[in-house]
PDB file of N, CA and C in Angstrom:
ATOM      1  N   MET A   1     -19.956  23.418 -21.638  1.00  0.00           N
ATOM      2  CA  MET A   1     -19.701  22.438 -20.982  1.00  0.00           C
ATOM      3  C   MET A   1     -19.225  21.234 -22.196  1.00  0.00           C
ATOM      4  N   LEU A   2     -18.136  20.612 -22.116  1.00  0.00           N
ATOM      5  CA  LEU A   2     -17.126  19.897 -22.387  1.00  0.00           C
ATOM      6  C   LEU A   2     -17.409  18.109 -22.563  1.00  0.00           C
ATOM      7  N   GLU A   3     -17.728  17.962 -24.055  1.00  0.00           N
ATOM      8  CA  GLU A   3     -18.134  16.592 -24.386  1.00  0.00           C
ATOM      9  C   GLU A   3     -17.156  15.691 -24.948  1.00  0.00           C
ATOM     10  N   ARG A   4     -17.153  14.342 -24.711  1.00  0.00           N
ATOM     11  CA  ARG A   4     -16.144  13.849 -24.549  1.00  0.00           C
ATOM     12  C   ARG A   4     -15.996  12.387 -25.334  1.00  0.00           C
ATOM     13  N   SER A   5     -16.274  11.760 -26.373  1.00  0.00           N
ATOM     14  CA  SER A   5     -16.380  10.512 -26.498  1.00  0.00           C
ATOM     15  C   SER A   5     -15.825   9.703 -25.917  1.00  0.00           C
ATOM     16  N   ILE A   6     -16.556   8.600 -25.502  1.00  0.00           N
ATOM     17  CA  ILE A   6     -16.056   7.338 -25.081  1.00  0.00           C
ATOM     18  C   ILE A   6     -15.846   6.206 -25.500  1.00  0.00           C
ATOM     19  N   ASN A   7     -14.635   6.267 -25.827  1.00  0.00           N
ATOM     20  CA  ASN A   7     -13.514   5.320 -26.543  1.00  0.00           C
ATOM     21  C   ASN A   7     -12.616   4.274 -26.215  1.00  0.00           C
ATOM     22  N   GLY A   8     -13.524   3.729 -24.590  1.00  0.00           N
ATOM     23  CA  GLY A   8     -12.616   2.935 -24.264  1.00  0.00           C
ATOM     24  C   GLY A   8     -11.157   2.855 -23.787  1.00  0.00           C
ATOM     25  N   GLN A   9     -10.522   4.302 -24.036  1.00  0.00           N
ATOM     26  CA  GLN A   9      -9.384   4.703 -23.752  1.00  0.00           C
ATOM     27  C   GLN A   9      -9.299   6.051 -22.567  1.00  0.00           C
ATOM     28  N   LEU A  10      -8.045   5.823 -21.784  1.00  0.00           N
ATOM     29  CA  LEU A  10      -7.722   6.820 -20.967  1.00  0.00           C
ATOM     30  C   LEU A  10      -7.058   8.225 -21.385  1.00  0.00           C
ATOM     31  N   ASP A  11      -7.311   8.991 -20.928  1.00  0.00           N
ATOM     32  CA  ASP A  11      -6.024  10.160 -21.002  1.00  0.00           C
ATOM     33  C   ASP A  11      -4.964  10.332 -20.208  1.00  0.00           C
ATOM     34  N   SER A  12      -4.187  10.950 -20.503  1.00  0.00           N
ATOM     35  CA  SER A  12      -3.018  11.485 -19.869  1.00  0.00           C
ATOM     36  C   SER A  12      -3.491  11.546 -18.164  1.00  0.00           C
ATOM     37  N   SER A  13      -4.082  12.862 -17.450  1.00  0.00           N
ATOM     38  CA  SER A  13      -4.302  12.794 -16.476  1.00  0.00           C
ATOM     39  C   SER A  13      -4.940  11.274 -15.827  1.00  0.00           C
ATOM     40  N   ALA A  14      -5.696   9.994 -16.730  1.00  0.00           N
ATOM     41  CA  ALA A  14      -6.514   9.307 -15.855  1.00  0.00           C
ATOM     42  C   ALA A  14      -4.695   8.613 -15.484  1.00  0.00           C
ATOM     43  N   TRP A  15      -4.743   7.916 -16.743  1.00  0.00           N
ATOM     44  CA  TRP A  15      -3.361   7.088 -16.004  1.00  0.00           C
ATOM     45  C   TRP A  15      -2.512   7.412 -15.076  1.00  0.00           C
ATOM     46  N   ILE A  16      -2.051   9.315 -15.059  1.00  0.00           N
ATOM     47  CA  ILE A  16      -1.149   9.549 -13.732  1.00  0.00           C
ATOM     48  C   ILE A  16      -1.854   8.780 -12.466  1.00  0.00           C
ATOM     49  N   VAL A  17      -3.507   9.631 -12.350  1.00  0.00           N
ATOM     50  CA  VAL A  17      -4.248   8.909 -11.059  1.00  0.00           C
ATOM     51  C   VAL A  17      -4.169   8.238 -10.863  1.00  0.00           C
ATOM     52  N   LEU A  18      -4.302   6.945 -11.757  1.00  0.00           N
ATOM     53  CA  LEU A  18      -4.478   5.468 -11.699  1.00  0.00           C
ATOM     54  C   LEU A  18      -3.135   4.917 -11.448  1.00  0.00           C
ATOM     55  N   SER A  19      -2.030   5.561 -12.100  1.00  0.00           N
ATOM     56  CA  SER A  19      -0.844   4.768 -11.882  1.00  0.00           C
ATOM     57  C   SER A  19      -0.310   5.784 -10.037  1.00  0.00           C
ATOM     58  N   SER A  20      -0.547   6.753  -9.755  1.00  0.00           N
ATOM     59  CA  SER A  20      -0.477   6.752  -8.129  1.00  0.00           C
ATOM     60  C   SER A  20      -0.979   6.191  -7.380  1.00  0.00           C
ATOM     61  N   ILE A  21      -2.389   5.788  -7.798  1.00  0.00           N
ATOM     62  CA  ILE A  21      -3.658   5.093  -6.900  1.00  0.00           C
ATOM     63  C   ILE A  21      -2.758   3.520  -6.736  1.00  0.00           C
ATOM     64  N   ILE A  22      -2.108   3.249  -8.022  1.00  0.00           N
ATOM     65  CA  ILE A  22      -1.476   1.724  -7.945  1.00  0.00           C
ATOM     66  C   ILE A  22      -0.422   1.249  -6.725  1.00  0.00           C
ATOM     67  N   PHE A  23       0.332   2.807  -7.484  1.00  0.00           N
ATOM     68  CA  PHE A  23       1.327   2.476  -6.759  1.00  0.00           C
ATOM     69  C   PHE A  23       1.806   2.288  -4.942  1.00  0.00           C
ATOM     70  N   ILE A  24       0.526   3.274  -4.771  1.00  0.00           N
ATOM     71  CA  ILE A  24       0.420   3.835  -2.993  1.00  0.00           C
ATOM     72  C   ILE A  24      -0.726   2.131  -2.712  1.00  0.00           C
ATOM     73  N   ILE A  25      -1.100   1.732  -2.991  1.00  0.00           N
ATOM     74  CA  ILE A  25      -1.258   0.207  -2.728  1.00  0.00           C
ATOM     75  C   ILE A  25       0.257  -0.687  -3.066  1.00  0.00           C
ATOM     76  N   VAL A  26       0.366  -0.833  -3.758  1.00  0.00           N
ATOM     77  CA  VAL A  26       1.650  -1.931  -4.059  1.00  0.00           C
ATOM     78  C   VAL A  26       2.522  -1.698  -3.301  1.00  0.00           C
ATOM     79  N   GLY A  27       2.780  -0.107  -2.652  1.00  0.00           N
ATOM     80  CA  GLY A  27       4.197   0.421  -1.945  1.00  0.00           C
ATOM     81  C   GLY A  27       3.403  -0.090  -0.487  1.00  0.00           C
ATOM     82  N   GLY A  28       2.316   0.323   0.045  1.00  0.00           N
ATOM     83  CA  GLY A  28       1.542  -0.088   0.992  1.00  0.00           C
ATOM     84  C   GLY A  28       1.671  -1.318   1.949  1.00  0.00           C
ATOM     85  N   LEU A  29       1.774  -2.641   0.802  1.00  0.00           N
ATOM     86  CA  LEU A  29       1.494  -3.587   1.453  1.00  0.00           C
ATOM     87  C   LEU A  29       2.979  -4.241   1.664  1.00  0.00           C
ATOM     88  N   ALA A  30       3.329  -3.797   0.977  1.00  0.00           N
ATOM     89  CA  ALA A  30       5.034  -4.012   0.724  1.00  0.00           C
ATOM     90  C   ALA A  30       6.039  -3.708   1.943  1.00  0.00           C
ATOM     91  N   TRP A  31       5.218  -2.552   2.438  1.00  0.00           N
ATOM     92  CA  TRP A  31       6.038  -1.713   3.589  1.00  0.00           C
ATOM     93  C   TRP A  31       4.997  -2.809   5.535  1.00  0.00           C
ATOM     94  N   CYS A  32       4.002  -2.855   4.233  1.00  0.00           N
ATOM     95  CA  CYS A  32       3.606  -3.582   5.634  1.00  0.00           C
ATOM     96  C   CYS A  32       4.013  -4.914   5.707  1.00  0.00           C
ATOM     97  N   PHE A  33       4.325  -5.719   5.048  1.00  0.00           N
ATOM     98  CA  PHE A  33       5.015  -7.145   4.993  1.00  0.00           C
ATOM     99  C   PHE A  33       6.842  -7.048   5.360  1.00  0.00           C
ATOM    100  N   TYR A  34       6.953  -5.646   4.553  1.00  0.00           N
ATOM    101  CA  TYR A  34       8.030  -5.974   5.465  1.00  0.00           C
ATOM    102  C   TYR A  34       8.312  -5.331   6.957  1.00  0.00           C
ATOM    103  N   ARG A  35       7.204  -4.753   7.385  1.00  0.00           N
ATOM    104  CA  ARG A  35       7.334  -4.840   8.631  1.00  0.00           C
ATOM    105  C   ARG A  35       6.939  -5.980   9.688  1.00  0.00           C
ATOM    106  N   ALA A  36       6.126  -6.991   8.755  1.00  0.00           N
ATOM    107  CA  ALA A  36       6.001  -8.196   9.807  1.00  0.00           C
ATOM    108  C   ALA A  36       7.091  -8.936   9.482  1.00  0.00           C
ATOM    109  N   ILE A  37       7.597  -8.857   8.418  1.00  0.00           N
ATOM    110  CA  ILE A  37       8.344  -9.716   8.224  1.00  0.00           C
ATOM    111  C   ILE A  37       9.788  -9.722   9.431  1.00  0.00           C
ATOM    112  N   THR A  38      10.323  -7.754   9.222  1.00  0.00           N
ATOM    113  CA  THR A  38      11.419  -7.574  10.365  1.00  0.00           C
ATOM    114  C   THR A  38      10.772  -7.973  11.785  1.00  0.00           C
ATOM    115  N   ALA A  39       9.493  -7.850  12.077  1.00  0.00           N
ATOM    116  CA  ALA A  39       8.822  -7.815  13.366  1.00  0.00           C
ATOM    117  C   ALA A  39       8.924  -9.468  14.312  1.00  0.00           C
ATOM    118  N   GLY A  40       9.468 -10.277  13.230  1.00  0.00           N
ATOM    119  CA  GLY A  40       9.525 -12.119  13.232  1.00  0.00           C
ATOM    120  C   GLY A  40      10.316 -12.311  13.352  1.00  0.00           C
ATOM    121  N   GLN A  41      11.565 -11.075  13.353  1.00  0.00           N
ATOM    122  CA  GLN A  41      12.560 -11.488  13.253  1.00  0.00           C
ATOM    123  C   GLN A  41      13.131 -11.342  14.691  1.00  0.00           C
ATOM    124  N   ASN A  42      12.983 -10.284  15.154  1.00  0.00           N
ATOM    125  CA  ASN A  42      13.731  -9.763  16.186  1.00  0.00           C
ATOM    126  C   ASN A  42      13.587 -11.296  17.792  1.00  0.00           C
ATOM    127  N   GLU A  43      14.667 -10.912  17.890  1.00  0.00           N
ATOM    128  CA  GLU A  43      14.574 -11.994  18.986  1.00  0.00           C
ATOM    129  C   GLU A  43      14.768 -11.572  20.463  1.00  0.00           C
ATOM    130  N   THR A  44      13.713 -11.793  21.106  1.00  0.00           N
ATOM    131  CA  THR A  44      13.327 -10.998  22.252  1.00  0.00           C
ATOM    132  C   THR A  44      12.222 -11.919  22.968  1.00  0.00           C
ATOM    133  N   SER A  45      12.338 -11.838  23.845  1.00  0.00           N
ATOM    134  CA  SER A  45      11.987 -12.618  24.863  1.00  0.00           C
ATOM    135  C   SER A  45      10.425 -12.702  25.362  1.00  0.00           C
ATOM    136  N   GLU A  46       9.828 -13.484  25.931  1.00  0.00           N
ATOM    137  CA  GLU A  46       8.143 -13.577  25.702  1.00  0.00           C
ATOM    138  C   GLU A  46       8.103 -12.540  26.936  1.00  0.00           C
ATOM    139  N   GLN A  47       7.289 -11.887  26.794  1.00  0.00           N
ATOM    140  CA  GLN A  47       6.770 -10.782  27.875  1.00  0.00           C
ATOM    141  C   GLN A  47       5.889 -11.727  28.834  1.00  0.00           C
ATOM    142  N   LEU A  48       5.858 -11.986  30.119  1.00  0.00           N
ATOM    143  CA  LEU A  48       5.411 -12.126  31.033  1.00  0.00           C
ATOM    144  C   LEU A  48       4.464 -11.234  32.435  1.00  0.00           C
ATOM    145  N   PRO A  49       3.351 -12.045  32.431  1.00  0.00           N
ATOM    146  CA  PRO A  49       2.503 -10.235  33.522  1.00  0.00           C
ATOM    147  C   PRO A  49       3.438 -10.237  34.122  1.00  0.00           C
ATOM    148  N   ASP A  50       2.905  -9.668  35.262  1.00  0.00           N
ATOM    149  CA  ASP A  50       3.944  -8.744  36.505  1.00  0.00           C
ATOM    150  C   ASP A  50       3.309 -10.350  37.842  1.00  0.00           C
ATOM    151  N   GLU A  51       3.580 -10.141  38.487  1.00  0.00           N
ATOM    152  CA  GLU A  51       3.426 -10.931  39.660  1.00  0.00           C
ATOM    153  C   GLU A  51       2.664  -9.765  40.587  1.00  0.00           C
ATOM    154  N   VAL A  52       2.054 -10.077  41.056  1.00  0.00           N
ATOM    155  CA  VAL A  52       1.412  -8.891  42.130  1.00  0.00           C
ATOM    156  C   VAL A  52       1.435  -9.538  43.453  1.00  0.00           C
TER     157      VAL A  52
END
């Protein structure tokens, strides 16, 4: 069994995982805002319900 001392520091694999998760979250938010901005810029007419 591996024994590690907890000294408040992360090893290299923990930094890689942490940076990957942060990149995914920031990238996802940026993509979401980009999609929202481009959707708001479309010049489409209002969709009206079909008359029966």
